[in-house]
Amino acid sequence: MSQATEKLLLKIVGGVAVGAATIITKKVLDGSWKAATGNQPPTHAEDPDLTWREAIAWALLSGAVIGVAQLVAARGARQLVQRNTA
């Protein structure tokens, strides 16, 4: 398989994997936030009912967890493509 084809395949598989990881992780985070706080997760930082503490906690938690999930998905996709094209 040519290197160009492998790169294209990696973009497609990686994009799908990262997208799926993001959606799944967001759903898990939303449910976890609701279970832990009893409230829906924040959707708008400018919401007057949202405290600074909640806004910052949500930003840190969601950013870190979604970032790690995307990293794991991207690396897994790369390994899958390399293993199946070698």
PDB file of N, CA and C in Angstrom:
ATOM      1  N   MET A   1       0.853  -1.170   0.000  1.00  0.00           N
ATOM      2  CA  MET A   1       0.000   0.000   0.000  1.00  0.00           C
ATOM      3  C   MET A   1       0.900   1.234   0.000  1.00  0.00           C
ATOM      4  N   SER A   2       0.551   2.217  -0.789  1.00  0.00           N
ATOM      5  CA  SER A   2       1.382   3.414  -0.861  1.00  0.00           C
ATOM      6  C   SER A   2       1.245   4.248   0.409  1.00  0.00           C
ATOM      7  N   GLN A   3       2.236   5.087   0.622  1.00  0.00           N
ATOM      8  CA  GLN A   3       2.240   5.942   1.809  1.00  0.00           C
ATOM      9  C   GLN A   3       1.087   6.939   1.767  1.00  0.00           C
ATOM     10  N   ALA A   4       0.743   7.431   0.584  1.00  0.00           N
ATOM     11  CA  ALA A   4      -0.368   8.374   0.443  1.00  0.00           C
ATOM     12  C   ALA A   4      -1.697   7.712   0.806  1.00  0.00           C
ATOM     13  N   THR A   5      -1.866   6.467   0.369  1.00  0.00           N
ATOM     14  CA  THR A   5      -3.090   5.731   0.694  1.00  0.00           C
ATOM     15  C   THR A   5      -3.174   5.465   2.189  1.00  0.00           C
ATOM     16  N   GLU A   6      -2.041   5.125   2.791  1.00  0.00           N
ATOM     17  CA  GLU A   6      -2.013   4.877   4.236  1.00  0.00           C
ATOM     18  C   GLU A   6      -2.369   6.150   5.005  1.00  0.00           C
ATOM     19  N   LYS A   7      -1.856   7.288   4.563  1.00  0.00           N
ATOM     20  CA  LYS A   7      -2.163   8.559   5.228  1.00  0.00           C
ATOM     21  C   LYS A   7      -3.649   8.890   5.120  1.00  0.00           C
ATOM     22  N   LEU A   8      -4.231   8.649   3.942  1.00  0.00           N
ATOM     23  CA  LEU A   8      -5.658   8.906   3.749  1.00  0.00           C
ATOM     24  C   LEU A   8      -6.491   7.984   4.637  1.00  0.00           C
ATOM     25  N   LEU A   9      -6.123   6.727   4.670  1.00  0.00           N
ATOM     26  CA  LEU A   9      -6.825   5.757   5.508  1.00  0.00           C
ATOM     27  C   LEU A   9      -6.728   6.151   6.978  1.00  0.00           C
ATOM     28  N   LEU A  10      -5.554   6.612   7.389  1.00  0.00           N
ATOM     29  CA  LEU A  10      -5.379   7.043   8.775  1.00  0.00           C
ATOM     30  C   LEU A  10      -6.257   8.248   9.088  1.00  0.00           C
ATOM     31  N   LYS A  11      -6.371   9.186   8.154  1.00  0.00           N
ATOM     32  CA  LYS A  11      -7.233  10.351   8.378  1.00  0.00           C
ATOM     33  C   LYS A  11      -8.686   9.938   8.536  1.00  0.00           C
ATOM     34  N   ILE A  12      -9.126   9.008   7.717  1.00  0.00           N
ATOM     35  CA  ILE A  12     -10.524   8.561   7.778  1.00  0.00           C
ATOM     36  C   ILE A  12     -10.783   7.783   9.059  1.00  0.00           C
ATOM     37  N   VAL A  13      -9.970   6.751   9.308  1.00  0.00           N
ATOM     38  CA  VAL A  13     -10.159   5.911  10.503  1.00  0.00           C
ATOM     39  C   VAL A  13      -9.950   6.747  11.761  1.00  0.00           C
ATOM     40  N   GLY A  14      -8.923   7.577  11.762  1.00  0.00           N
ATOM     41  CA  GLY A  14      -8.652   8.424  12.925  1.00  0.00           C
ATOM     42  C   GLY A  14      -9.771   9.407  13.184  1.00  0.00           C
ATOM     43  N   GLY A  15     -10.291  10.012  12.126  1.00  0.00           N
ATOM     44  CA  GLY A  15     -11.391  10.965  12.291  1.00  0.00           C
ATOM     45  C   GLY A  15     -12.640  10.320  12.874  1.00  0.00           C
ATOM     46  N   VAL A  16     -12.964   9.147  12.365  1.00  0.00           N
ATOM     47  CA  VAL A  16     -14.135   8.427  12.886  1.00  0.00           C
ATOM     48  C   VAL A  16     -13.910   8.028  14.346  1.00  0.00           C
ATOM     49  N   ALA A  17     -12.718   7.532  14.644  1.00  0.00           N
ATOM     50  CA  ALA A  17     -12.416   7.093  16.016  1.00  0.00           C
ATOM     51  C   ALA A  17     -12.451   8.265  16.995  1.00  0.00           C
ATOM     52  N   VAL A  18     -11.853   9.378  16.617  1.00  0.00           N
ATOM     53  CA  VAL A  18     -11.832  10.550  17.497  1.00  0.00           C
ATOM     54  C   VAL A  18     -13.246  11.104  17.666  1.00  0.00           C
ATOM     55  N   GLY A  19     -14.014  11.156  16.597  1.00  0.00           N
ATOM     56  CA  GLY A  19     -15.397  11.635  16.690  1.00  0.00           C
ATOM     57  C   GLY A  19     -16.242  10.762  17.611  1.00  0.00           C
ATOM     58  N   ALA A  20     -16.119   9.455  17.443  1.00  0.00           N
ATOM     59  CA  ALA A  20     -16.882   8.534  18.293  1.00  0.00           C
ATOM     60  C   ALA A  20     -16.446   8.641  19.747  1.00  0.00           C
ATOM     61  N   ALA A  21     -15.143   8.740  19.974  1.00  0.00           N
ATOM     62  CA  ALA A  21     -14.638   8.867  21.347  1.00  0.00           C
ATOM     63  C   ALA A  21     -15.156  10.141  22.003  1.00  0.00           C
ATOM     64  N   THR A  22     -15.210  11.215  21.236  1.00  0.00           N
ATOM     65  CA  THR A  22     -15.697  12.486  21.773  1.00  0.00           C
ATOM     66  C   THR A  22     -17.167  12.390  22.167  1.00  0.00           C
ATOM     67  N   ILE A  23     -17.982  11.829  21.287  1.00  0.00           N
ATOM     68  CA  ILE A  23     -19.417  11.714  21.561  1.00  0.00           C
ATOM     69  C   ILE A  23     -19.670  10.818  22.775  1.00  0.00           C
ATOM     70  N   ILE A  24     -19.022   9.673  22.808  1.00  0.00           N
ATOM     71  CA  ILE A  24     -19.226   8.729  23.915  1.00  0.00           C
ATOM     72  C   ILE A  24     -18.744   9.329  25.233  1.00  0.00           C
ATOM     73  N   THR A  25     -17.572   9.938  25.207  1.00  0.00           N
ATOM     74  CA  THR A  25     -17.026  10.526  26.435  1.00  0.00           C
ATOM     75  C   THR A  25     -17.908  11.661  26.937  1.00  0.00           C
ATOM     76  N   LYS A  26     -18.433  12.469  26.032  1.00  0.00           N
ATOM     77  CA  LYS A  26     -19.317  13.580  26.431  1.00  0.00           C
ATOM     78  C   LYS A  26     -20.570  13.039  27.106  1.00  0.00           C
ATOM     79  N   LYS A  27     -21.130  11.971  26.559  1.00  0.00           N
ATOM     80  CA  LYS A  27     -22.333  11.377  27.176  1.00  0.00           C
ATOM     81  C   LYS A  27     -22.021  10.842  28.573  1.00  0.00           C
ATOM     82  N   VAL A  28     -20.871  10.180  28.728  1.00  0.00           N
ATOM     83  CA  VAL A  28     -20.477   9.648  30.036  1.00  0.00           C
ATOM     84  C   VAL A  28     -20.240  10.794  31.020  1.00  0.00           C
ATOM     85  N   LEU A  29     -19.563  11.841  30.572  1.00  0.00           N
ATOM     86  CA  LEU A  29     -19.318  12.992  31.446  1.00  0.00           C
ATOM     87  C   LEU A  29     -20.616  13.659  31.872  1.00  0.00           C
ATOM     88  N   ASP A  30     -21.524  13.839  30.931  1.00  0.00           N
ATOM     89  CA  ASP A  30     -22.810  14.463  31.258  1.00  0.00           C
ATOM     90  C   ASP A  30     -23.543  13.660  32.335  1.00  0.00           C
ATOM     91  N   GLY A  31     -23.583  12.344  32.159  1.00  0.00           N
ATOM     92  CA  GLY A  31     -24.248  11.492  33.146  1.00  0.00           C
ATOM     93  C   GLY A  31     -23.546  11.503  34.489  1.00  0.00           C
ATOM     94  N   SER A  32     -22.225  11.505  34.471  1.00  0.00           N
ATOM     95  CA  SER A  32     -21.454  11.538  35.715  1.00  0.00           C
ATOM     96  C   SER A  32     -21.655  12.855  36.453  1.00  0.00           C
ATOM     97  N   TRP A  33     -21.659  13.955  35.699  1.00  0.00           N
ATOM     98  CA  TRP A  33     -21.865  15.273  36.312  1.00  0.00           C
ATOM     99  C   TRP A  33     -23.245  15.330  36.980  1.00  0.00           C
ATOM    100  N   LYS A  34     -24.262  14.840  36.265  1.00  0.00           N
ATOM    101  CA  LYS A  34     -25.620  14.866  36.818  1.00  0.00           C
ATOM    102  C   LYS A  34     -25.719  13.978  38.060  1.00  0.00           C
ATOM    103  N   ALA A  35     -25.079  12.812  38.033  1.00  0.00           N
ATOM    104  CA  ALA A  35     -25.111  11.914  39.193  1.00  0.00           C
ATOM    105  C   ALA A  35     -24.396  12.531  40.390  1.00  0.00           C
ATOM    106  N   ALA A  36     -23.279  13.223  40.130  1.00  0.00           N
ATOM    107  CA  ALA A  36     -22.483  13.783  41.222  1.00  0.00           C
ATOM    108  C   ALA A  36     -23.078  15.060  41.796  1.00  0.00           C
ATOM    109  N   THR A  37     -23.677  15.893  40.933  1.00  0.00           N
ATOM    110  CA  THR A  37     -24.158  17.204  41.403  1.00  0.00           C
ATOM    111  C   THR A  37     -25.673  17.300  41.502  1.00  0.00           C
ATOM    112  N   GLY A  38     -26.378  16.438  40.797  1.00  0.00           N
ATOM    113  CA  GLY A  38     -27.834  16.528  40.758  1.00  0.00           C
ATOM    114  C   GLY A  38     -28.328  17.550  39.747  1.00  0.00           C
ATOM    115  N   ASN A  39     -27.403  18.201  39.026  1.00  0.00           N
ATOM    116  CA  ASN A  39     -27.753  19.214  38.029  1.00  0.00           C
ATOM    117  C   ASN A  39     -27.274  18.772  36.655  1.00  0.00           C
ATOM    118  N   GLN A  40     -27.888  19.369  35.641  1.00  0.00           N
ATOM    119  CA  GLN A  40     -27.399  19.144  34.289  1.00  0.00           C
ATOM    120  C   GLN A  40     -26.019  19.783  34.155  1.00  0.00           C
ATOM    121  N   PRO A  41     -25.159  19.240  33.320  1.00  0.00           N
ATOM    122  CA  PRO A  41     -23.846  19.862  33.129  1.00  0.00           C
ATOM    123  C   PRO A  41     -23.993  21.239  32.488  1.00  0.00           C
ATOM    124  N   PRO A  42     -23.070  22.135  32.764  1.00  0.00           N
ATOM    125  CA  PRO A  42     -23.143  23.479  32.187  1.00  0.00           C
ATOM    126  C   PRO A  42     -23.070  23.443  30.659  1.00  0.00           C
ATOM    127  N   THR A  43     -23.858  24.305  30.037  1.00  0.00           N
ATOM    128  CA  THR A  43     -23.812  24.409  28.582  1.00  0.00           C
ATOM    129  C   THR A  43     -23.367  25.799  28.132  1.00  0.00           C
ATOM    130  N   HIS A  44     -23.596  26.802  28.968  1.00  0.00           N
ATOM    131  CA  HIS A  44     -23.218  28.174  28.628  1.00  0.00           C
ATOM    132  C   HIS A  44     -22.489  28.801  29.804  1.00  0.00           C
ATOM    133  N   ALA A  45     -21.259  29.207  29.576  1.00  0.00           N
ATOM    134  CA  ALA A  45     -20.445  29.792  30.643  1.00  0.00           C
ATOM    135  C   ALA A  45     -21.035  31.085  31.179  1.00  0.00           C
ATOM    136  N   GLU A  46     -21.819  31.783  30.354  1.00  0.00           N
ATOM    137  CA  GLU A  46     -22.380  33.062  30.795  1.00  0.00           C
ATOM    138  C   GLU A  46     -23.706  32.920  31.553  1.00  0.00           C
ATOM    139  N   ASP A  47     -24.156  31.712  31.785  1.00  0.00           N
ATOM    140  CA  ASP A  47     -25.392  31.466  32.531  1.00  0.00           C
ATOM    141  C   ASP A  47     -25.276  32.076  33.927  1.00  0.00           C
ATOM    142  N   PRO A  48     -26.183  32.981  34.308  1.00  0.00           N
ATOM    143  CA  PRO A  48     -26.080  33.629  35.623  1.00  0.00           C
ATOM    144  C   PRO A  48     -26.300  32.684  36.806  1.00  0.00           C
ATOM    145  N   ASP A  49     -26.937  31.551  36.562  1.00  0.00           N
ATOM    146  CA  ASP A  49     -27.150  30.581  37.637  1.00  0.00           C
ATOM    147  C   ASP A  49     -25.939  29.682  37.860  1.00  0.00           C
ATOM    148  N   LEU A  50     -24.952  29.783  37.005  1.00  0.00           N
ATOM    149  CA  LEU A  50     -23.759  28.954  37.076  1.00  0.00           C
ATOM    150  C   LEU A  50     -22.687  29.665  37.898  1.00  0.00           C
ATOM    151  N   THR A  51     -22.223  28.992  38.943  1.00  0.00           N
ATOM    152  CA  THR A  51     -21.174  29.603  39.763  1.00  0.00           C
ATOM    153  C   THR A  51     -19.824  29.471  39.058  1.00  0.00           C
ATOM    154  N   TRP A  52     -18.869  30.318  39.464  1.00  0.00           N
ATOM    155  CA  TRP A  52     -17.525  30.230  38.911  1.00  0.00           C
ATOM    156  C   TRP A  52     -16.932  28.849  39.195  1.00  0.00           C
ATOM    157  N   ARG A  53     -17.185  28.360  40.377  1.00  0.00           N
ATOM    158  CA  ARG A  53     -16.646  27.051  40.762  1.00  0.00           C
ATOM    159  C   ARG A  53     -17.141  25.960  39.826  1.00  0.00           C
ATOM    160  N   GLU A  54     -18.452  25.963  39.546  1.00  0.00           N
ATOM    161  CA  GLU A  54     -19.014  24.960  38.637  1.00  0.00           C
ATOM    162  C   GLU A  54     -18.469  25.117  37.218  1.00  0.00           C
ATOM    163  N   ALA A  55     -18.384  26.353  36.762  1.00  0.00           N
ATOM    164  CA  ALA A  55     -17.898  26.602  35.398  1.00  0.00           C
ATOM    165  C   ALA A  55     -16.459  26.128  35.233  1.00  0.00           C
ATOM    166  N   ILE A  56     -15.614  26.457  36.192  1.00  0.00           N
ATOM    167  CA  ILE A  56     -14.210  26.056  36.117  1.00  0.00           C
ATOM    168  C   ILE A  56     -14.061  24.546  36.270  1.00  0.00           C
ATOM    169  N   ALA A  57     -14.811  23.959  37.188  1.00  0.00           N
ATOM    170  CA  ALA A  57     -14.742  22.505  37.379  1.00  0.00           C
ATOM    171  C   ALA A  57     -15.150  21.778  36.106  1.00  0.00           C
ATOM    172  N   TRP A  58     -16.228  22.229  35.483  1.00  0.00           N
ATOM    173  CA  TRP A  58     -16.694  21.583  34.261  1.00  0.00           C
ATOM    174  C   TRP A  58     -15.683  21.746  33.130  1.00  0.00           C
ATOM    175  N   ALA A  59     -15.130  22.937  33.003  1.00  0.00           N
ATOM    176  CA  ALA A  59     -14.148  23.191  31.944  1.00  0.00           C
ATOM    177  C   ALA A  59     -12.915  22.301  32.118  1.00  0.00           C
ATOM    178  N   LEU A  60     -12.402  22.218  33.321  1.00  0.00           N
ATOM    179  CA  LEU A  60     -11.221  21.399  33.580  1.00  0.00           C
ATOM    180  C   LEU A  60     -11.515  19.910  33.370  1.00  0.00           C
ATOM    181  N   LEU A  61     -12.612  19.468  33.932  1.00  0.00           N
ATOM    182  CA  LEU A  61     -12.968  18.052  33.839  1.00  0.00           C
ATOM    183  C   LEU A  61     -13.235  17.636  32.400  1.00  0.00           C
ATOM    184  N   SER A  62     -14.104  18.363  31.733  1.00  0.00           N
ATOM    185  CA  SER A  62     -14.470  17.960  30.376  1.00  0.00           C
ATOM    186  C   SER A  62     -13.290  18.101  29.412  1.00  0.00           C
ATOM    187  N   GLY A  63     -12.520  19.162  29.547  1.00  0.00           N
ATOM    188  CA  GLY A  63     -11.368  19.347  28.665  1.00  0.00           C
ATOM    189  C   GLY A  63     -10.347  18.240  28.817  1.00  0.00           C
ATOM    190  N   ALA A  64     -10.033  17.907  30.055  1.00  0.00           N
ATOM    191  CA  ALA A  64      -9.021  16.874  30.303  1.00  0.00           C
ATOM    192  C   ALA A  64      -9.501  15.495  29.863  1.00  0.00           C
ATOM    193  N   VAL A  65     -10.698  15.140  30.243  1.00  0.00           N
ATOM    194  CA  VAL A  65     -11.189  13.790  29.952  1.00  0.00           C
ATOM    195  C   VAL A  65     -11.427  13.602  28.453  1.00  0.00           C
ATOM    196  N   ILE A  66     -12.024  14.581  27.800  1.00  0.00           N
ATOM    197  CA  ILE A  66     -12.252  14.464  26.362  1.00  0.00           C
ATOM    198  C   ILE A  66     -10.925  14.476  25.610  1.00  0.00           C
ATOM    199  N   GLY A  67      -9.988  15.293  26.059  1.00  0.00           N
ATOM    200  CA  GLY A  67      -8.670  15.323  25.427  1.00  0.00           C
ATOM    201  C   GLY A  67      -7.963  13.984  25.499  1.00  0.00           C
ATOM    202  N   VAL A  68      -8.023  13.345  26.652  1.00  0.00           N
ATOM    203  CA  VAL A  68      -7.389  12.028  26.807  1.00  0.00           C
ATOM    204  C   VAL A  68      -8.106  10.988  25.939  1.00  0.00           C
ATOM    205  N   ALA A  69      -9.426  11.039  25.898  1.00  0.00           N
ATOM    206  CA  ALA A  69     -10.173  10.080  25.075  1.00  0.00           C
ATOM    207  C   ALA A  69      -9.822  10.244  23.594  1.00  0.00           C
ATOM    208  N   GLN A  70      -9.684  11.488  23.138  1.00  0.00           N
ATOM    209  CA  GLN A  70      -9.312  11.731  21.746  1.00  0.00           C
ATOM    210  C   GLN A  70      -7.897  11.227  21.462  1.00  0.00           C
ATOM    211  N   LEU A  71      -6.991  11.440  22.402  1.00  0.00           N
ATOM    212  CA  LEU A  71      -5.622  10.961  22.243  1.00  0.00           C
ATOM    213  C   LEU A  71      -5.581   9.437  22.131  1.00  0.00           C
ATOM    214  N   VAL A  72      -6.284   8.769  23.014  1.00  0.00           N
ATOM    215  CA  VAL A  72      -6.326   7.304  22.997  1.00  0.00           C
ATOM    216  C   VAL A  72      -6.924   6.803  21.686  1.00  0.00           C
ATOM    217  N   ALA A  73      -7.993   7.437  21.222  1.00  0.00           N
ATOM    218  CA  ALA A  73      -8.630   7.025  19.973  1.00  0.00           C
ATOM    219  C   ALA A  73      -7.704   7.238  18.783  1.00  0.00           C
ATOM    220  N   ALA A  74      -7.035   8.376  18.729  1.00  0.00           N
ATOM    221  CA  ALA A  74      -6.138   8.673  17.614  1.00  0.00           C
ATOM    222  C   ALA A  74      -4.964   7.701  17.579  1.00  0.00           C
ATOM    223  N   ARG A  75      -4.385   7.429  18.732  1.00  0.00           N
ATOM    224  CA  ARG A  75      -3.251   6.497  18.777  1.00  0.00           C
ATOM    225  C   ARG A  75      -3.709   5.074  18.439  1.00  0.00           C
ATOM    226  N   GLY A  76      -4.874   4.699  18.914  1.00  0.00           N
ATOM    227  CA  GLY A  76      -5.412   3.382  18.589  1.00  0.00           C
ATOM    228  C   GLY A  76      -5.681   3.242  17.098  1.00  0.00           C
ATOM    229  N   ALA A  77      -6.209   4.296  16.483  1.00  0.00           N
ATOM    230  CA  ALA A  77      -6.466   4.273  15.045  1.00  0.00           C
ATOM    231  C   ALA A  77      -5.153   4.132  14.275  1.00  0.00           C
ATOM    232  N   ARG A  78      -4.126   4.860  14.703  1.00  0.00           N
ATOM    233  CA  ARG A  78      -2.823   4.766  14.033  1.00  0.00           C
ATOM    234  C   ARG A  78      -2.277   3.336  14.131  1.00  0.00           C
ATOM    235  N   GLN A  79      -2.364   2.740  15.301  1.00  0.00           N
ATOM    236  CA  GLN A  79      -1.870   1.372  15.465  1.00  0.00           C
ATOM    237  C   GLN A  79      -2.659   0.398  14.596  1.00  0.00           C
ATOM    238  N   LEU A  80      -3.969   0.576  14.529  1.00  0.00           N
ATOM    239  CA  LEU A  80      -4.821  -0.296  13.729  1.00  0.00           C
ATOM    240  C   LEU A  80      -4.456  -0.191  12.253  1.00  0.00           C
ATOM    241  N   VAL A  81      -4.314   1.025  11.765  1.00  0.00           N
ATOM    242  CA  VAL A  81      -3.977   1.220  10.352  1.00  0.00           C
ATOM    243  C   VAL A  81      -2.590   0.671  10.049  1.00  0.00           C
ATOM    244  N   GLN A  82      -1.621   0.960  10.900  1.00  0.00           N
ATOM    245  CA  GLN A  82      -0.267   0.469  10.650  1.00  0.00           C
ATOM    246  C   GLN A  82      -0.201  -1.049  10.688  1.00  0.00           C
ATOM    247  N   ARG A  83      -0.917  -1.653  11.605  1.00  0.00           N
ATOM    248  CA  ARG A  83      -0.912  -3.117  11.713  1.00  0.00           C
ATOM    249  C   ARG A  83      -1.567  -3.766  10.494  1.00  0.00           C
ATOM    250  N   ASN A  84      -2.585  -3.121   9.945  1.00  0.00           N
ATOM    251  CA  ASN A  84      -3.315  -3.713   8.823  1.00  0.00           C
ATOM    252  C   ASN A  84      -2.796  -3.300   7.460  1.00  0.00           C
ATOM    253  N   THR A  85      -1.831  -2.396   7.411  1.00  0.00           N
ATOM    254  CA  THR A  85      -1.275  -1.990   6.108  1.00  0.00           C
ATOM    255  C   THR A  85       0.172  -2.421   5.959  1.00  0.00           C
ATOM    256  N   ALA A  86       0.735  -2.972   7.001  1.00  0.00           N
ATOM    257  CA  ALA A  86       2.155  -3.372   6.930  1.00  0.00           C
ATOM    258  C   ALA A  86       2.331  -4.683   6.219  1.00  0.00           C
TER     259      ALA A  86
END
